[in-house]
Amino acid sequence: MSHPKTIDERPPRLSRDLRLLALSEALRRYAVRLQPDVNAAGLLAHRALAAAFARPVSPGGEAAGAMEAGLRDHVDRNLVDDGAKASSRSAAPHDRS
């Protein structure tokens, strides 16, 4: 009978993916602190995780702290981008007469 492998003994992609999944709830809570709309916060967290899953796996792996910081940074950037888009849509059009 084989013993279950730890995350670090698994293939690099699986190990990385499991670490990302383990961070997903904390990332969602972080996004909710920044964005009170729960659905919008969930979308921010989803986008960050989707981008992280899409990246190639680095050969040496990524430390959990660096991985979490990268996810939070992605949420921060998307929040700023979404805010800029919302404010540009709500701005009054210029009168060119």
C-alpha atoms as a PDB file:
ATOM      1  CA  MET A   1       0.000   0.000   0.000  1.00  0.00           C
ATOM      2  CA  SER A   2       1.496   3.335  -0.991  1.00  0.00           C
ATOM      3  CA  HIS A   3       1.368   6.336   1.282  1.00  0.00           C
ATOM      4  CA  PRO A   4      -0.306   9.521   0.045  1.00  0.00           C
ATOM      5  CA  LYS A   5       2.197  11.964  -1.328  1.00  0.00           C
ATOM      6  CA  THR A   6       2.692  15.378   0.156  1.00  0.00           C
ATOM      7  CA  ILE A   7       2.110  18.350  -2.109  1.00  0.00           C
ATOM      8  CA  ASP A   8       5.862  18.698  -2.675  1.00  0.00           C
ATOM      9  CA  GLU A   9       6.229  15.064  -3.801  1.00  0.00           C
ATOM     10  CA  ARG A  10       3.661  15.423  -6.558  1.00  0.00           C
ATOM     11  CA  PRO A  11       4.393  16.538 -10.128  1.00  0.00           C
ATOM     12  CA  PRO A  12       5.205  20.278 -10.276  1.00  0.00           C
ATOM     13  CA  ARG A  13       1.989  21.314 -12.057  1.00  0.00           C
ATOM     14  CA  LEU A  14      -0.243  19.364  -9.666  1.00  0.00           C
ATOM     15  CA  SER A  15       1.669  20.703  -6.676  1.00  0.00           C
ATOM     16  CA  ARG A  16       1.271  24.283  -7.919  1.00  0.00           C
ATOM     17  CA  ASP A  17      -2.415  23.807  -8.707  1.00  0.00           C
ATOM     18  CA  LEU A  18      -3.130  22.378  -5.250  1.00  0.00           C
ATOM     19  CA  ARG A  19      -1.355  25.327  -3.635  1.00  0.00           C
ATOM     20  CA  LEU A  20      -3.444  27.738  -5.700  1.00  0.00           C
ATOM     21  CA  LEU A  21      -6.638  25.979  -4.685  1.00  0.00           C
ATOM     22  CA  ALA A  22      -5.585  26.110  -1.036  1.00  0.00           C
ATOM     23  CA  LEU A  23      -5.193  29.900  -1.349  1.00  0.00           C
ATOM     24  CA  SER A  24      -8.533  30.458  -3.083  1.00  0.00           C
ATOM     25  CA  GLU A  25     -10.656  31.056   0.025  1.00  0.00           C
ATOM     26  CA  ALA A  26      -8.153  33.495   1.557  1.00  0.00           C
ATOM     27  CA  LEU A  27      -7.957  35.301  -1.790  1.00  0.00           C
ATOM     28  CA  ARG A  28     -11.743  35.605  -1.965  1.00  0.00           C
ATOM     29  CA  ARG A  29     -11.826  37.048   1.577  1.00  0.00           C
ATOM     30  CA  TYR A  30      -9.094  39.515   0.591  1.00  0.00           C
ATOM     31  CA  ALA A  31     -11.086  40.595  -2.471  1.00  0.00           C
ATOM     32  CA  VAL A  32     -14.240  41.073  -0.357  1.00  0.00           C
ATOM     33  CA  ARG A  33     -12.334  43.426   1.957  1.00  0.00           C
ATOM     34  CA  LEU A  34     -11.458  45.579  -1.055  1.00  0.00           C
ATOM     35  CA  GLN A  35     -14.708  45.215  -3.000  1.00  0.00           C
ATOM     36  CA  PRO A  36     -17.905  45.123  -0.928  1.00  0.00           C
ATOM     37  CA  ASP A  37     -19.960  43.668  -3.803  1.00  0.00           C
ATOM     38  CA  VAL A  38     -19.559  39.925  -3.140  1.00  0.00           C
ATOM     39  CA  ASN A  39     -20.110  38.983  -6.777  1.00  0.00           C
ATOM     40  CA  ALA A  40     -17.557  41.501  -8.036  1.00  0.00           C
ATOM     41  CA  ALA A  41     -15.085  40.343  -5.368  1.00  0.00           C
ATOM     42  CA  GLY A  42     -15.596  36.741  -6.427  1.00  0.00           C
ATOM     43  CA  LEU A  43     -14.916  37.717 -10.023  1.00  0.00           C
ATOM     44  CA  LEU A  44     -11.690  39.479  -8.992  1.00  0.00           C
ATOM     45  CA  ALA A  45     -10.518  36.348  -7.157  1.00  0.00           C
ATOM     46  CA  HIS A  46     -11.571  34.139 -10.071  1.00  0.00           C
ATOM     47  CA  ARG A  47      -9.620  36.239 -12.579  1.00  0.00           C
ATOM     48  CA  ALA A  48      -6.493  36.119 -10.416  1.00  0.00           C
ATOM     49  CA  LEU A  49      -6.700  32.343 -10.025  1.00  0.00           C
ATOM     50  CA  ALA A  50      -7.466  31.792 -13.707  1.00  0.00           C
ATOM     51  CA  ALA A  51      -4.399  33.823 -14.679  1.00  0.00           C
ATOM     52  CA  ALA A  52      -2.255  31.884 -12.199  1.00  0.00           C
ATOM     53  CA  PHE A  53      -3.493  28.511 -13.504  1.00  0.00           C
ATOM     54  CA  ALA A  54      -2.770  29.632 -17.083  1.00  0.00           C
ATOM     55  CA  ARG A  55       0.857  30.534 -16.374  1.00  0.00           C
ATOM     56  CA  PRO A  56       3.516  27.921 -17.067  1.00  0.00           C
ATOM     57  CA  VAL A  57       4.890  26.124 -14.035  1.00  0.00           C
ATOM     58  CA  SER A  58       8.258  27.509 -12.970  1.00  0.00           C
ATOM     59  CA  PRO A  59      10.962  24.822 -12.723  1.00  0.00           C
ATOM     60  CA  GLY A  60      11.932  25.566  -9.120  1.00  0.00           C
ATOM     61  CA  GLY A  61       8.364  26.135  -7.988  1.00  0.00           C
ATOM     62  CA  GLU A  62       7.066  29.233  -6.279  1.00  0.00           C
ATOM     63  CA  ALA A  63       7.072  29.874  -2.559  1.00  0.00           C
ATOM     64  CA  ALA A  64       3.610  30.003  -0.994  1.00  0.00           C
ATOM     65  CA  GLY A  65       4.175  33.580   0.215  1.00  0.00           C
ATOM     66  CA  ALA A  66       5.216  34.763  -3.224  1.00  0.00           C
ATOM     67  CA  MET A  67       2.283  32.938  -4.791  1.00  0.00           C
ATOM     68  CA  GLU A  68      -0.209  34.593  -2.429  1.00  0.00           C
ATOM     69  CA  ALA A  69       1.401  38.005  -2.943  1.00  0.00           C
ATOM     70  CA  GLY A  70       1.141  37.569  -6.724  1.00  0.00           C
ATOM     71  CA  LEU A  71      -2.537  36.654  -6.477  1.00  0.00           C
ATOM     72  CA  ARG A  72      -3.283  39.647  -4.253  1.00  0.00           C
ATOM     73  CA  ASP A  73      -1.385  41.922  -6.622  1.00  0.00           C
ATOM     74  CA  HIS A  74      -3.509  40.634  -9.499  1.00  0.00           C
ATOM     75  CA  VAL A  75      -6.690  41.391  -7.520  1.00  0.00           C
ATOM     76  CA  ASP A  76      -5.392  44.889  -6.709  1.00  0.00           C
ATOM     77  CA  ARG A  77      -4.574  45.643 -10.354  1.00  0.00           C
ATOM     78  CA  ASN A  78      -7.939  44.358 -11.591  1.00  0.00           C
ATOM     79  CA  LEU A  79      -9.769  46.388  -8.950  1.00  0.00           C
ATOM     80  CA  VAL A  80      -7.999  49.540 -10.133  1.00  0.00           C
ATOM     81  CA  ASP A  81      -8.661  48.648 -13.798  1.00  0.00           C
ATOM     82  CA  ASP A  82     -12.345  47.962 -13.107  1.00  0.00           C
ATOM     83  CA  GLY A  83     -12.646  51.248 -11.188  1.00  0.00           C
ATOM     84  CA  ALA A  84     -11.042  53.185 -14.024  1.00  0.00           C
ATOM     85  CA  LYS A  85     -13.385  51.574 -16.568  1.00  0.00           C
ATOM     86  CA  ALA A  86     -16.432  52.316 -14.426  1.00  0.00           C
ATOM     87  CA  SER A  87     -15.477  55.953 -13.944  1.00  0.00           C
ATOM     88  CA  SER A  88     -14.823  56.433 -17.674  1.00  0.00           C
ATOM     89  CA  ARG A  89     -18.251  54.996 -18.507  1.00  0.00           C
ATOM     90  CA  SER A  90     -19.985  57.279 -16.029  1.00  0.00           C
ATOM     91  CA  ALA A  91     -18.178  60.444 -17.131  1.00  0.00           C
ATOM     92  CA  ALA A  92     -20.299  62.971 -19.003  1.00  0.00           C
ATOM     93  CA  PRO A  93     -19.633  63.074 -22.728  1.00  0.00           C
ATOM     94  CA  HIS A  94     -17.865  66.159 -24.009  1.00  0.00           C
ATOM     95  CA  ASP A  95     -19.889  68.676 -25.968  1.00  0.00           C
ATOM     96  CA  ARG A  96     -18.255  69.134 -29.366  1.00  0.00           C
ATOM     97  CA  SER A  97     -20.700  71.576 -30.938  1.00  0.00           C
END
